Amino acid sequence: MNYAIVTGASRGLGASAAQEFISKGIPVITVSRNENSALKQAADNAVISYTHYSCDLSSAQQVQSVFANICEEVFQHAENVYVINNAGVIEPIEVAGELDTSLVQTNIQVNLTAPILISNIFLQKAKENSSRVIIANVTSGAGERPIQGWSIYCSTKAAVNMFTMTAGLELESNGDSSKVIAFSPGLMDTDMQVTIRSSSEEAFADIDTFRNYKESGSLRSPDTVAGALVKLVLSENLENGKIYKVNDLL
């Protein structure tokens, strides 16, 4: 039996990815602060197992507890477990020297610490249960270049990329069947884009560019991107540690 676990599934790419797994008949576990009731209804209609866990991913204690419980649930029956570390935050959007301490801490915890802890838990449990886990860490082009006002977001995504590449190297060196990859979804029409467009020019120099993305219709729908992501993780020729970009998949 296969399972899919998706973080940040209440909306955006996470909700679309969970819906895509349901449409393919794969039982889904969603993790976010709030539940997306439409996913539950979709799973009921398709007669697919669906569970939601509420979790504040900015709390390392909650992450450890919730995902330990999830592992207890899935590894009793699972052959393949697909984990989409999708949850992320863009704030603080501000230049260095003006950063809010609490927002910095939350960003690092949600964008970096949580996916590392989640990956560690699942890789350990998969090995103990002779199962296979496929982990996709959602990253960003911001992890490959500096963007004024995004120093923390750029930094956490760059760190996610390095963790992914290193974990993938380790799995290959150990002959492990599990995989860890990163997925860069490009520009999507999500609430994160709304937050970006609502920032100030003083904090974010490229704000007009991002406003033009919306006005010109350059933002892809989360459903389109989720289709590419789920197709990718279900494929049999994944390259461990690789950073896949949606533009190369569509």
Protein backbone atom coordinates (compact mmCIF):
# COMPACT_ATOMS: atom_id res chain seq x y z
CA MET A 1 0.00 0.00 0.00
CA ASN A 2 1.15 3.56 -0.74
CA TYR A 3 0.62 6.77 1.24
CA ALA A 4 1.16 10.44 0.48
CA ILE A 5 1.89 13.00 3.20
CA VAL A 6 1.59 16.66 2.23
CA THR A 7 2.45 19.61 4.47
CA GLY A 8 0.89 23.02 4.00
CA ALA A 9 -2.12 21.34 2.39
CA SER A 10 -4.79 23.82 3.44
CA ARG A 11 -4.36 25.85 0.24
CA GLY A 12 -2.16 26.56 -2.76
CA LEU A 13 0.27 23.97 -4.09
CA GLY A 14 -0.18 21.71 -1.06
CA ALA A 15 -3.95 21.46 -1.49
CA SER A 16 -3.56 20.85 -5.22
CA ALA A 17 -0.93 18.15 -4.67
CA ALA A 18 -3.12 16.38 -2.11
CA GLN A 19 -6.03 16.51 -4.57
CA GLU A 20 -3.80 15.06 -7.29
CA PHE A 21 -2.80 12.11 -5.08
CA ILE A 22 -6.47 11.48 -4.24
CA SER A 23 -7.34 11.48 -7.94
CA LYS A 24 -4.72 8.78 -8.45
CA GLY A 25 -6.20 6.61 -5.70
CA ILE A 26 -3.39 7.14 -3.19
CA PRO A 27 -4.36 7.55 0.49
CA VAL A 28 -3.47 11.02 1.73
CA ILE A 29 -2.44 12.51 5.06
CA THR A 30 -2.43 16.29 5.19
CA VAL A 31 -0.57 18.40 7.74
CA SER A 32 -1.33 22.06 8.34
CA ARG A 33 -2.79 24.31 10.99
CA ASN A 34 -6.20 24.25 9.32
CA GLU A 35 -7.93 21.48 7.42
CA ASN A 36 -9.12 21.87 3.84
CA SER A 37 -12.66 20.48 3.95
CA ALA A 38 -12.78 20.14 0.16
CA LEU A 39 -10.00 17.54 0.30
CA LYS A 40 -11.91 15.47 2.82
CA GLN A 41 -14.98 15.61 0.61
CA ALA A 42 -12.98 14.65 -2.46
CA ALA A 43 -11.47 11.67 -0.63
CA ASP A 44 -14.90 10.58 0.61
CA ASN A 45 -16.30 10.77 -2.91
CA ALA A 46 -13.40 8.73 -4.27
CA VAL A 47 -13.53 6.29 -1.33
CA ILE A 48 -9.87 7.03 -0.56
CA SER A 49 -8.38 7.04 2.94
CA TYR A 50 -7.78 10.57 4.15
CA THR A 51 -6.50 11.90 7.49
CA HIS A 52 -5.67 15.41 8.62
CA TYR A 53 -3.21 16.29 11.37
CA SER A 54 -3.15 19.80 12.79
CA CYS A 55 0.40 20.98 13.39
CA ASP A 56 2.23 24.23 13.93
CA LEU A 57 5.37 23.62 11.88
CA SER A 58 7.14 26.48 13.63
CA SER A 59 7.24 24.28 16.74
CA ALA A 60 9.95 21.62 16.63
CA GLN A 61 8.21 19.78 19.46
CA GLN A 62 4.93 19.57 17.55
CA VAL A 63 6.74 18.44 14.41
CA GLN A 64 8.47 15.60 16.23
CA SER A 65 5.28 14.47 17.96
CA VAL A 66 2.89 14.73 15.01
CA PHE A 67 5.15 13.07 12.48
CA ALA A 68 6.08 10.27 14.85
CA ASN A 69 2.35 9.54 15.08
CA ILE A 70 2.01 9.67 11.30
CA CYS A 71 4.86 7.21 10.88
CA GLU A 72 3.17 4.83 13.31
CA GLU A 73 0.09 4.99 11.12
CA VAL A 74 1.63 4.58 7.67
CA PHE A 75 4.54 2.21 8.18
CA GLN A 76 2.29 -0.59 9.46
CA HIS A 77 1.07 -1.08 5.89
CA ALA A 78 3.17 1.05 3.54
CA GLU A 79 5.46 -0.09 0.76
CA ASN A 80 6.01 3.39 -0.67
CA VAL A 81 5.53 6.65 1.22
CA TYR A 82 5.54 9.95 -0.64
CA VAL A 83 6.34 13.02 1.48
CA ILE A 84 5.83 16.51 0.07
CA ASN A 85 7.49 19.11 2.30
CA ASN A 86 5.54 21.99 0.83
CA ALA A 87 4.73 24.31 3.75
CA GLY A 88 6.60 27.60 3.61
CA VAL A 89 6.50 31.26 4.56
CA ILE A 90 7.94 34.28 2.75
CA GLU A 91 7.98 36.74 5.66
CA PRO A 92 9.94 38.70 6.73
CA ILE A 93 10.12 40.74 3.53
CA GLU A 94 12.55 43.38 4.72
CA VAL A 95 16.15 44.47 4.30
CA ALA A 96 18.82 43.32 6.73
CA GLY A 97 18.96 45.68 9.68
CA GLU A 98 15.17 45.97 9.74
CA LEU A 99 14.27 42.29 10.26
CA ASP A 100 11.71 41.20 12.86
CA THR A 101 13.31 38.62 15.15
CA SER A 102 10.19 36.50 15.64
CA LEU A 103 9.50 36.38 11.89
CA VAL A 104 13.09 35.32 11.23
CA GLN A 105 12.79 32.48 13.72
CA THR A 106 9.44 31.33 12.29
CA ASN A 107 10.77 31.42 8.73
CA ILE A 108 13.81 29.32 9.57
CA GLN A 109 11.74 26.82 11.54
CA VAL A 110 9.02 26.37 8.91
CA ASN A 111 11.13 26.59 5.76
CA LEU A 112 14.24 24.73 6.92
CA THR A 113 14.13 23.03 10.31
CA ALA A 114 10.74 21.38 9.80
CA PRO A 115 11.55 19.70 6.44
CA ILE A 116 14.88 18.50 7.81
CA LEU A 117 13.25 16.99 10.91
CA ILE A 118 10.43 15.45 8.85
CA SER A 119 12.87 13.97 6.35
CA ASN A 120 15.00 12.56 9.16
CA ILE A 121 12.02 10.90 10.84
CA PHE A 122 10.73 9.29 7.65
CA LEU A 123 14.12 8.09 6.44
CA GLN A 124 14.75 6.48 9.82
CA LYS A 125 11.35 4.78 9.97
CA ALA A 126 11.55 3.61 6.36
CA LYS A 127 14.86 1.91 7.07
CA GLU A 128 13.51 0.28 10.24
CA ASN A 129 10.46 -1.04 8.37
CA SER A 130 12.18 -2.03 5.11
CA SER A 131 9.98 0.43 3.25
CA ARG A 132 10.77 3.14 0.74
CA VAL A 133 10.16 6.86 1.19
CA ILE A 134 10.24 9.45 -1.58
CA ILE A 135 10.71 12.96 -0.19
CA ALA A 136 10.20 16.10 -2.26
CA ASN A 137 11.31 19.33 -0.61
CA VAL A 138 9.63 22.30 -2.24
CA THR A 139 12.28 24.93 -2.91
CA SER A 140 12.52 28.12 -4.95
CA GLY A 141 14.68 29.89 -7.49
CA ALA A 142 15.29 32.31 -4.61
CA GLY A 143 17.58 29.67 -3.15
CA GLU A 144 19.97 30.18 -6.07
CA ARG A 145 20.28 33.98 -6.19
CA PRO A 146 20.03 36.96 -3.83
CA ILE A 147 16.81 38.99 -3.91
CA GLN A 148 16.64 42.27 -2.03
CA GLY A 149 14.26 42.00 0.92
CA TRP A 150 14.24 38.20 0.87
CA SER A 151 17.48 37.46 2.74
CA ILE A 152 15.86 34.93 5.08
CA TYR A 153 13.70 33.22 2.45
CA CYS A 154 16.67 32.99 0.04
CA SER A 155 18.84 31.61 2.82
CA THR A 156 16.42 28.93 3.97
CA LYS A 157 15.73 27.75 0.42
CA ALA A 158 19.45 27.61 -0.33
CA ALA A 159 19.91 25.52 2.81
CA VAL A 160 17.04 23.22 1.79
CA ASN A 161 18.79 22.68 -1.54
CA MET A 162 22.07 21.77 0.14
CA PHE A 163 20.34 19.44 2.61
CA THR A 164 18.57 17.72 -0.28
CA MET A 165 21.73 17.26 -2.30
CA THR A 166 23.67 15.95 0.69
CA ALA A 167 20.93 13.58 1.87
CA GLY A 168 20.56 12.28 -1.67
CA LEU A 169 24.31 11.66 -1.89
CA GLU A 170 24.22 9.76 1.40
CA LEU A 171 21.31 7.57 0.28
CA GLU A 172 23.07 6.71 -2.96
CA SER A 173 26.32 5.94 -1.14
CA ASN A 174 24.47 3.58 1.21
CA GLY A 175 22.56 1.84 -1.59
CA ASP A 176 19.27 2.90 -0.02
CA SER A 177 16.10 2.64 -2.12
CA SER A 178 14.65 5.85 -0.66
CA LYS A 179 14.95 9.16 -2.50
CA VAL A 180 15.22 12.82 -1.49
CA ILE A 181 14.74 15.46 -4.17
CA ALA A 182 13.87 19.15 -4.34
CA PHE A 183 11.19 20.69 -6.54
CA SER A 184 11.18 24.32 -7.67
CA PRO A 185 7.59 25.25 -8.62
CA GLY A 186 8.27 28.57 -10.31
CA LEU A 187 5.76 31.40 -10.27
CA MET A 188 2.28 30.37 -9.06
CA ASP A 189 -0.92 32.25 -8.37
CA THR A 190 -1.03 31.67 -4.60
CA ASP A 191 -1.53 33.59 -1.35
CA MET A 192 2.25 33.93 -1.07
CA GLN A 193 2.17 36.04 -4.22
CA VAL A 194 -0.48 38.23 -2.62
CA THR A 195 1.81 38.77 0.37
CA ILE A 196 4.71 39.65 -1.92
CA ARG A 197 2.65 42.17 -3.88
CA SER A 198 1.49 43.76 -0.62
CA SER A 199 5.00 44.54 0.61
CA SER A 200 6.61 47.98 0.37
CA GLU A 201 9.03 49.22 -2.27
CA GLU A 202 11.51 50.08 0.49
CA ALA A 203 11.50 46.47 1.70
CA PHE A 204 11.27 44.75 -1.70
CA ALA A 205 12.84 46.43 -4.72
CA ASP A 206 11.27 44.04 -7.26
CA ILE A 207 7.66 44.60 -6.18
CA ASP A 208 6.60 46.11 -9.54
CA THR A 209 7.96 43.07 -11.37
CA PHE A 210 5.85 40.75 -9.23
CA ARG A 211 2.78 42.93 -9.68
CA ASN A 212 3.30 42.69 -13.44
CA TYR A 213 3.45 38.87 -13.22
CA LYS A 214 -0.13 38.90 -11.92
CA GLU A 215 -1.39 41.57 -14.33
CA SER A 216 0.15 39.86 -17.36
CA GLY A 217 -1.18 36.40 -16.45
CA SER A 218 2.32 34.97 -16.02
CA LEU A 219 1.49 33.02 -12.85
CA ARG A 220 0.75 29.32 -13.27
CA SER A 221 -2.15 27.71 -11.45
CA PRO A 222 -1.25 25.52 -8.45
CA ASP A 223 -3.16 22.65 -10.11
CA THR A 224 -0.87 22.71 -13.13
CA VAL A 225 2.26 22.73 -10.99
CA ALA A 226 0.90 20.04 -8.65
CA GLY A 227 0.26 17.77 -11.61
CA ALA A 228 3.93 18.03 -12.59
CA LEU A 229 5.08 17.49 -9.00
CA VAL A 230 3.00 14.38 -8.35
CA LYS A 231 3.90 12.89 -11.74
CA LEU A 232 7.54 13.46 -10.86
CA VAL A 233 7.51 11.77 -7.45
CA LEU A 234 5.58 8.79 -8.82
CA SER A 235 8.11 8.23 -11.60
CA GLU A 236 10.65 5.44 -11.32
CA ASN A 237 13.73 7.29 -12.55
CA LEU A 238 14.25 9.94 -9.89
CA GLU A 239 17.81 11.13 -9.38
CA ASN A 240 18.68 11.30 -5.69
CA GLY A 241 19.53 14.79 -4.49
CA LYS A 242 18.51 16.51 -7.72
CA ILE A 243 16.77 19.89 -7.77
CA TYR A 244 13.98 19.54 -10.34
CA LYS A 245 12.49 22.69 -11.90
CA VAL A 246 8.91 22.83 -13.08
CA ASN A 247 9.91 24.61 -16.30
CA ASP A 248 11.82 21.48 -17.33
CA LEU A 249 8.84 19.23 -16.60
CA LEU A 250 5.97 21.02 -18.36
